[in-house]
PDB file of N, CA and C in Angstrom:
ATOM      1  N   MET A   1      87.204  94.043  86.937  1.00  0.00           N
ATOM      2  CA  MET A   1      87.686  93.775  87.301  1.00  0.00           C
ATOM      3  C   MET A   1      88.145  95.207  88.561  1.00  0.00           C
ATOM      4  N   ASP A   2      89.140  94.631  90.064  1.00  0.00           N
ATOM      5  CA  ASP A   2      89.199  95.853  90.988  1.00  0.00           C
ATOM      6  C   ASP A   2      90.086  96.747  91.203  1.00  0.00           C
ATOM      7  N   THR A   3      89.784  97.896  90.866  1.00  0.00           N
ATOM      8  CA  THR A   3      91.650  99.114  91.075  1.00  0.00           C
ATOM      9  C   THR A   3      91.839  99.101  91.896  1.00  0.00           C
ATOM     10  N   GLU A   4      91.081  98.700  93.047  1.00  0.00           N
ATOM     11  CA  GLU A   4      91.537  99.367  94.840  1.00  0.00           C
ATOM     12  C   GLU A   4      92.286  98.184  95.323  1.00  0.00           C
ATOM     13  N   LYS A   5      92.781  97.062  94.425  1.00  0.00           N
ATOM     14  CA  LYS A   5      93.124  96.068  95.150  1.00  0.00           C
ATOM     15  C   LYS A   5      95.063  96.641  94.330  1.00  0.00           C
ATOM     16  N   LEU A   6      95.109  97.401  93.546  1.00  0.00           N
ATOM     17  CA  LEU A   6      96.109  97.293  92.847  1.00  0.00           C
ATOM     18  C   LEU A   6      96.882  98.221  93.204  1.00  0.00           C
ATOM     19  N   SER A   7      98.386  98.202  93.369  1.00  0.00           N
ATOM     20  CA  SER A   7      99.658  99.115  93.328  1.00  0.00           C
ATOM     21  C   SER A   7      99.577 100.091  91.633  1.00  0.00           C
ATOM     22  N   PHE A   8     100.173 101.315  92.595  1.00  0.00           N
ATOM     23  CA  PHE A   8     100.241 101.875  91.419  1.00  0.00           C
ATOM     24  C   PHE A   8     100.989 101.620  90.364  1.00  0.00           C
ATOM     25  N   GLU A   9     101.960 101.243  90.346  1.00  0.00           N
ATOM     26  CA  GLU A   9     102.791 101.051  89.607  1.00  0.00           C
ATOM     27  C   GLU A   9     101.703  99.583  87.913  1.00  0.00           C
ATOM     28  N   GLU A  10     101.063  98.638  89.128  1.00  0.00           N
ATOM     29  CA  GLU A  10     100.743  97.699  88.398  1.00  0.00           C
ATOM     30  C   GLU A  10      99.395  98.312  87.402  1.00  0.00           C
ATOM     31  N   ALA A  11      98.240  99.147  87.853  1.00  0.00           N
ATOM     32  CA  ALA A  11      97.004  99.624  87.192  1.00  0.00           C
ATOM     33  C   ALA A  11      98.089 101.543  86.152  1.00  0.00           C
ATOM     34  N   TYR A  12      99.305 101.883  85.905  1.00  0.00           N
ATOM     35  CA  TYR A  12      99.883 102.527  85.231  1.00  0.00           C
ATOM     36  C   TYR A  12     100.408 101.362  84.210  1.00  0.00           C
ATOM     37  N   LYS A  13     100.225 100.271  84.807  1.00  0.00           N
ATOM     38  CA  LYS A  13     101.190  99.387  83.497  1.00  0.00           C
ATOM     39  C   LYS A  13      99.760  99.108  82.680  1.00  0.00           C
ATOM     40  N   GLN A  14      98.943  98.456  83.706  1.00  0.00           N
ATOM     41  CA  GLN A  14      97.294  97.867  82.791  1.00  0.00           C
ATOM     42  C   GLN A  14      97.002  98.742  81.796  1.00  0.00           C
ATOM     43  N   LEU A  15      97.262 100.652  82.415  1.00  0.00           N
ATOM     44  CA  LEU A  15      96.560 101.524  81.322  1.00  0.00           C
ATOM     45  C   LEU A  15      97.216 101.588  79.922  1.00  0.00           C
ATOM     46  N   THR A  16      99.433 102.083  80.505  1.00  0.00           N
ATOM     47  CA  THR A  16      99.756 101.451  79.370  1.00  0.00           C
ATOM     48  C   THR A  16      99.054 101.179  77.903  1.00  0.00           C
ATOM     49  N   GLU A  17      99.308  99.657  78.679  1.00  0.00           N
ATOM     50  CA  GLU A  17      98.872  98.156  77.881  1.00  0.00           C
ATOM     51  C   GLU A  17      97.230  98.841  76.508  1.00  0.00           C
ATOM     52  N   LEU A  18      96.293  99.423  77.471  1.00  0.00           N
ATOM     53  CA  LEU A  18      95.068  99.499  76.878  1.00  0.00           C
ATOM     54  C   LEU A  18      95.166 100.558  75.986  1.00  0.00           C
ATOM     55  N   VAL A  19      95.675 101.189  76.356  1.00  0.00           N
ATOM     56  CA  VAL A  19      96.055 102.872  75.245  1.00  0.00           C
ATOM     57  C   VAL A  19      97.167 101.573  74.442  1.00  0.00           C
ATOM     58  N   LYS A  20      98.292 101.577  73.932  1.00  0.00           N
ATOM     59  CA  LYS A  20      98.801 100.319  73.154  1.00  0.00           C
ATOM     60  C   LYS A  20      97.633  99.698  72.378  1.00  0.00           C
ATOM     61  N   LYS A  21      97.029  98.851  72.957  1.00  0.00           N
ATOM     62  CA  LYS A  21      95.443  98.354  72.514  1.00  0.00           C
ATOM     63  C   LYS A  21      94.769  98.436  71.591  1.00  0.00           C
ATOM     64  N   MET A  22      93.855 100.161  72.019  1.00  0.00           N
ATOM     65  CA  MET A  22      93.426 100.690  71.524  1.00  0.00           C
ATOM     66  C   MET A  22      94.489 101.819  69.982  1.00  0.00           C
ATOM     67  N   GLU A  23      95.971 101.850  70.144  1.00  0.00           N
ATOM     68  CA  GLU A  23      96.648 102.706  69.142  1.00  0.00           C
ATOM     69  C   GLU A  23      96.238 101.101  68.019  1.00  0.00           C
ATOM     70  N   SER A  24      96.529 100.645  68.706  1.00  0.00           N
ATOM     71  CA  SER A  24      97.159  99.886  67.461  1.00  0.00           C
ATOM     72  C   SER A  24      95.693  99.789  66.580  1.00  0.00           C
ATOM     73  N   GLY A  25      94.883 100.266  66.658  1.00  0.00           N
ATOM     74  CA  GLY A  25      93.433  99.471  66.092  1.00  0.00           C
ATOM     75  C   GLY A  25      93.547  98.504  65.736  1.00  0.00           C
ATOM     76  N   GLU A  26      92.733  97.510  66.376  1.00  0.00           N
ATOM     77  CA  GLU A  26      92.801  96.305  65.974  1.00  0.00           C
ATOM     78  C   GLU A  26      91.340  95.477  67.069  1.00  0.00           C
ATOM     79  N   LEU A  27      91.279  96.363  67.746  1.00  0.00           N
ATOM     80  CA  LEU A  27      90.221  95.956  68.987  1.00  0.00           C
ATOM     81  C   LEU A  27      89.115  96.436  67.806  1.00  0.00           C
ATOM     82  N   PRO A  28      87.980  95.170  68.250  1.00  0.00           N
ATOM     83  CA  PRO A  28      86.273  95.426  67.210  1.00  0.00           C
ATOM     84  C   PRO A  28      85.555  96.352  68.432  1.00  0.00           C
ATOM     85  N   LEU A  29      84.881  97.384  67.760  1.00  0.00           N
ATOM     86  CA  LEU A  29      84.502  98.616  68.379  1.00  0.00           C
ATOM     87  C   LEU A  29      84.376  98.488  69.766  1.00  0.00           C
ATOM     88  N   ALA A  30      83.187  97.558  70.633  1.00  0.00           N
ATOM     89  CA  ALA A  30      82.558  96.804  70.999  1.00  0.00           C
ATOM     90  C   ALA A  30      83.913  96.677  72.766  1.00  0.00           C
ATOM     91  N   ASP A  31      85.363  96.295  71.899  1.00  0.00           N
ATOM     92  CA  ASP A  31      86.470  96.086  72.433  1.00  0.00           C
ATOM     93  C   ASP A  31      86.961  97.467  73.295  1.00  0.00           C
ATOM     94  N   SER A  32      86.891  98.102  72.211  1.00  0.00           N
ATOM     95  CA  SER A  32      87.917  99.661  72.545  1.00  0.00           C
ATOM     96  C   SER A  32      87.020 100.065  73.375  1.00  0.00           C
ATOM     97  N   VAL A  33      85.814 100.223  72.632  1.00  0.00           N
ATOM     98  CA  VAL A  33      84.814 101.677  73.817  1.00  0.00           C
ATOM     99  C   VAL A  33      84.916 100.163  75.447  1.00  0.00           C
ATOM    100  N   ALA A  34      85.128  99.359  76.001  1.00  0.00           N
ATOM    101  CA  ALA A  34      85.138  98.950  76.783  1.00  0.00           C
ATOM    102  C   ALA A  34      86.529  98.476  77.415  1.00  0.00           C
ATOM    103  N   ALA A  35      87.717  99.197  76.588  1.00  0.00           N
ATOM    104  CA  ALA A  35      88.633  99.061  76.604  1.00  0.00           C
ATOM    105  C   ALA A  35      88.960 100.777  76.971  1.00  0.00           C
ATOM    106  N   TYR A  36      88.233 101.903  76.698  1.00  0.00           N
ATOM    107  CA  TYR A  36      88.407 102.907  77.292  1.00  0.00           C
ATOM    108  C   TYR A  36      87.832 103.308  78.152  1.00  0.00           C
ATOM    109  N   GLU A  37      87.044 101.883  78.915  1.00  0.00           N
ATOM    110  CA  GLU A  37      85.921 102.818  80.113  1.00  0.00           C
ATOM    111  C   GLU A  37      87.159 102.193  81.133  1.00  0.00           C
ATOM    112  N   GLN A  38      87.575 101.181  81.127  1.00  0.00           N
ATOM    113  CA  GLN A  38      88.544 100.035  81.936  1.00  0.00           C
ATOM    114  C   GLN A  38      89.608 101.404  82.137  1.00  0.00           C
ATOM    115  N   GLY A  39      90.126 102.328  81.146  1.00  0.00           N
ATOM    116  CA  GLY A  39      91.291 103.082  80.930  1.00  0.00           C
ATOM    117  C   GLY A  39      90.036 104.027  81.976  1.00  0.00           C
ATOM    118  N   ILE A  40      89.452 104.815  81.348  1.00  0.00           N
ATOM    119  CA  ILE A  40      89.089 105.927  82.708  1.00  0.00           C
ATOM    120  C   ILE A  40      89.137 105.468  84.127  1.00  0.00           C
ATOM    121  N   LYS A  41      89.088 104.544  84.107  1.00  0.00           N
ATOM    122  CA  LYS A  41      88.992 104.142  85.239  1.00  0.00           C
ATOM    123  C   LYS A  41      90.251 104.346  85.905  1.00  0.00           C
ATOM    124  N   LEU A  42      91.593 103.361  85.511  1.00  0.00           N
ATOM    125  CA  LEU A  42      92.600 103.091  85.525  1.00  0.00           C
ATOM    126  C   LEU A  42      93.127 104.646  85.738  1.00  0.00           C
ATOM    127  N   LYS A  43      93.205 105.436  84.464  1.00  0.00           N
ATOM    128  CA  LYS A  43      93.278 107.185  85.428  1.00  0.00           C
ATOM    129  C   LYS A  43      92.731 107.670  86.124  1.00  0.00           C
ATOM    130  N   ALA A  44      91.449 107.686  87.039  1.00  0.00           N
ATOM    131  CA  ALA A  44      91.148 108.311  88.138  1.00  0.00           C
ATOM    132  C   ALA A  44      91.774 108.053  88.889  1.00  0.00           C
ATOM    133  N   TYR A  45      91.799 106.236  88.961  1.00  0.00           N
ATOM    134  CA  TYR A  45      93.028 105.519  90.154  1.00  0.00           C
ATOM    135  C   TYR A  45      93.914 106.130  90.408  1.00  0.00           C
ATOM    136  N   CYS A  46      94.808 105.734  89.799  1.00  0.00           N
ATOM    137  CA  CYS A  46      96.218 106.152  89.448  1.00  0.00           C
ATOM    138  C   CYS A  46      96.212 108.002  89.936  1.00  0.00           C
ATOM    139  N   GLU A  47      95.352 109.113  89.360  1.00  0.00           N
ATOM    140  CA  GLU A  47      95.458 109.914  89.926  1.00  0.00           C
ATOM    141  C   GLU A  47      95.785 110.699  90.934  1.00  0.00           C
ATOM    142  N   GLN A  48      94.468 109.460  92.135  1.00  0.00           N
ATOM    143  CA  GLN A  48      93.635 109.123  93.323  1.00  0.00           C
ATOM    144  C   GLN A  48      95.357 108.915  94.130  1.00  0.00           C
ATOM    145  N   LEU A  49      96.286 108.074  93.422  1.00  0.00           N
ATOM    146  CA  LEU A  49      97.134 107.489  94.296  1.00  0.00           C
ATOM    147  C   LEU A  49      97.963 108.608  94.748  1.00  0.00           C
ATOM    148  N   LEU A  50      98.352 109.373  93.185  1.00  0.00           N
ATOM    149  CA  LEU A  50      98.992 110.399  92.998  1.00  0.00           C
ATOM    150  C   LEU A  50      99.008 111.796  94.208  1.00  0.00           C
ATOM    151  N   LYS A  51      97.887 111.917  94.403  1.00  0.00           N
ATOM    152  CA  LYS A  51      97.868 112.974  95.328  1.00  0.00           C
ATOM    153  C   LYS A  51      97.719 112.671  96.744  1.00  0.00           C
ATOM    154  N   GLU A  52      97.778 111.130  96.944  1.00  0.00           N
ATOM    155  CA  GLU A  52      97.509 110.873  98.000  1.00  0.00           C
ATOM    156  C   GLU A  52      98.944 111.188  98.691  1.00  0.00           C
ATOM    157  N   ALA A  53     100.143 110.229  97.367  1.00  0.00           N
ATOM    158  CA  ALA A  53     101.239 110.319  97.428  1.00  0.00           C
ATOM    159  C   ALA A  53     101.979 111.857  98.200  1.00  0.00           C
ATOM    160  N   GLU A  54     101.168 112.804  97.170  1.00  0.00           N
ATOM    161  CA  GLU A  54     101.592 114.270  97.542  1.00  0.00           C
ATOM    162  C   GLU A  54     100.951 114.746  98.660  1.00  0.00           C
ATOM    163  N   LEU A  55      99.681 114.300  99.088  1.00  0.00           N
ATOM    164  CA  LEU A  55      99.242 114.793 100.408  1.00  0.00           C
ATOM    165  C   LEU A  55     100.108 113.946 101.906  1.00  0.00           C
ATOM    166  N   LYS A  56     101.155 113.075 101.843  1.00  0.00           N
ATOM    167  CA  LYS A  56     101.622 112.236 102.435  1.00  0.00           C
ATOM    168  C   LYS A  56     102.929 113.436 102.405  1.00  0.00           C
ATOM    169  N   ILE A  57     103.313 113.330 101.071  1.00  0.00           N
ATOM    170  CA  ILE A  57     105.061 114.632 101.325  1.00  0.00           C
ATOM    171  C   ILE A  57     104.725 115.242 101.586  1.00  0.00           C
ATOM    172  N   GLU A  58     104.214 116.627 101.653  1.00  0.00           N
ATOM    173  CA  GLU A  58     103.313 117.595 102.043  1.00  0.00           C
ATOM    174  C   GLU A  58     103.153 117.875 103.616  1.00  0.00           C
ATOM    175  N   THR A  59     103.468 116.332 104.065  1.00  0.00           N
ATOM    176  CA  THR A  59     102.326 116.633 105.446  1.00  0.00           C
ATOM    177  C   THR A  59     103.962 116.193 106.062  1.00  0.00           C
ATOM    178  N   LEU A  60     104.279 115.252 105.262  1.00  0.00           N
ATOM    179  CA  LEU A  60     106.130 114.657 106.013  1.00  0.00           C
ATOM    180  C   LEU A  60     106.874 116.032 105.948  1.00  0.00           C
ATOM    181  N   LYS A  61     107.193 117.519 104.914  1.00  0.00           N
ATOM    182  CA  LYS A  61     107.879 118.229 104.705  1.00  0.00           C
ATOM    183  C   LYS A  61     107.079 119.408 105.712  1.00  0.00           C
ATOM    184  N   ILE A  62     105.716 119.482 106.031  1.00  0.00           N
ATOM    185  CA  ILE A  62     105.303 120.154 107.395  1.00  0.00           C
ATOM    186  C   ILE A  62     105.557 120.128 108.642  1.00  0.00           C
ATOM    187  N   THR A  63     105.639 118.560 109.055  1.00  0.00           N
ATOM    188  CA  THR A  63     106.117 117.708 110.238  1.00  0.00           C
ATOM    189  C   THR A  63     107.667 118.085 110.607  1.00  0.00           C
ATOM    190  N   ASN A  64     108.263 117.719 109.450  1.00  0.00           N
ATOM    191  CA  ASN A  64     109.522 117.597 109.465  1.00  0.00           C
ATOM    192  C   ASN A  64     109.933 119.675 109.973  1.00  0.00           C
ATOM    193  N   ASN A  65     109.272 120.533 108.851  1.00  0.00           N
ATOM    194  CA  ASN A  65     109.847 121.698 109.535  1.00  0.00           C
ATOM    195  C   ASN A  65     109.754 121.996 110.606  1.00  0.00           C
ATOM    196  N   LYS A  66     108.878 121.469 111.806  1.00  0.00           N
ATOM    197  CA  LYS A  66     108.510 121.890 112.905  1.00  0.00           C
ATOM    198  C   LYS A  66     109.273 121.153 114.336  1.00  0.00           C
ATOM    199  N   GLU A  67     110.216 120.481 113.519  1.00  0.00           N
ATOM    200  CA  GLU A  67     111.118 119.629 114.176  1.00  0.00           C
ATOM    201  C   GLU A  67     112.344 120.770 114.978  1.00  0.00           C
TER     202      GLU A  67
END
């Protein structure tokens, strides 16, 4: 799956669904490992989007204070 094309909301929803599946204990080991790997990617992607949003907000604050 290409996480780069997901919105934050879509990525977070997928991450939440993966966690629920893993916590249910119903996934076979190989599927659990694959879900964990995908979860790590989704978590990193969500963190990246949040950092970018935070930087934009800080930039807007600085720009707005100069005016």
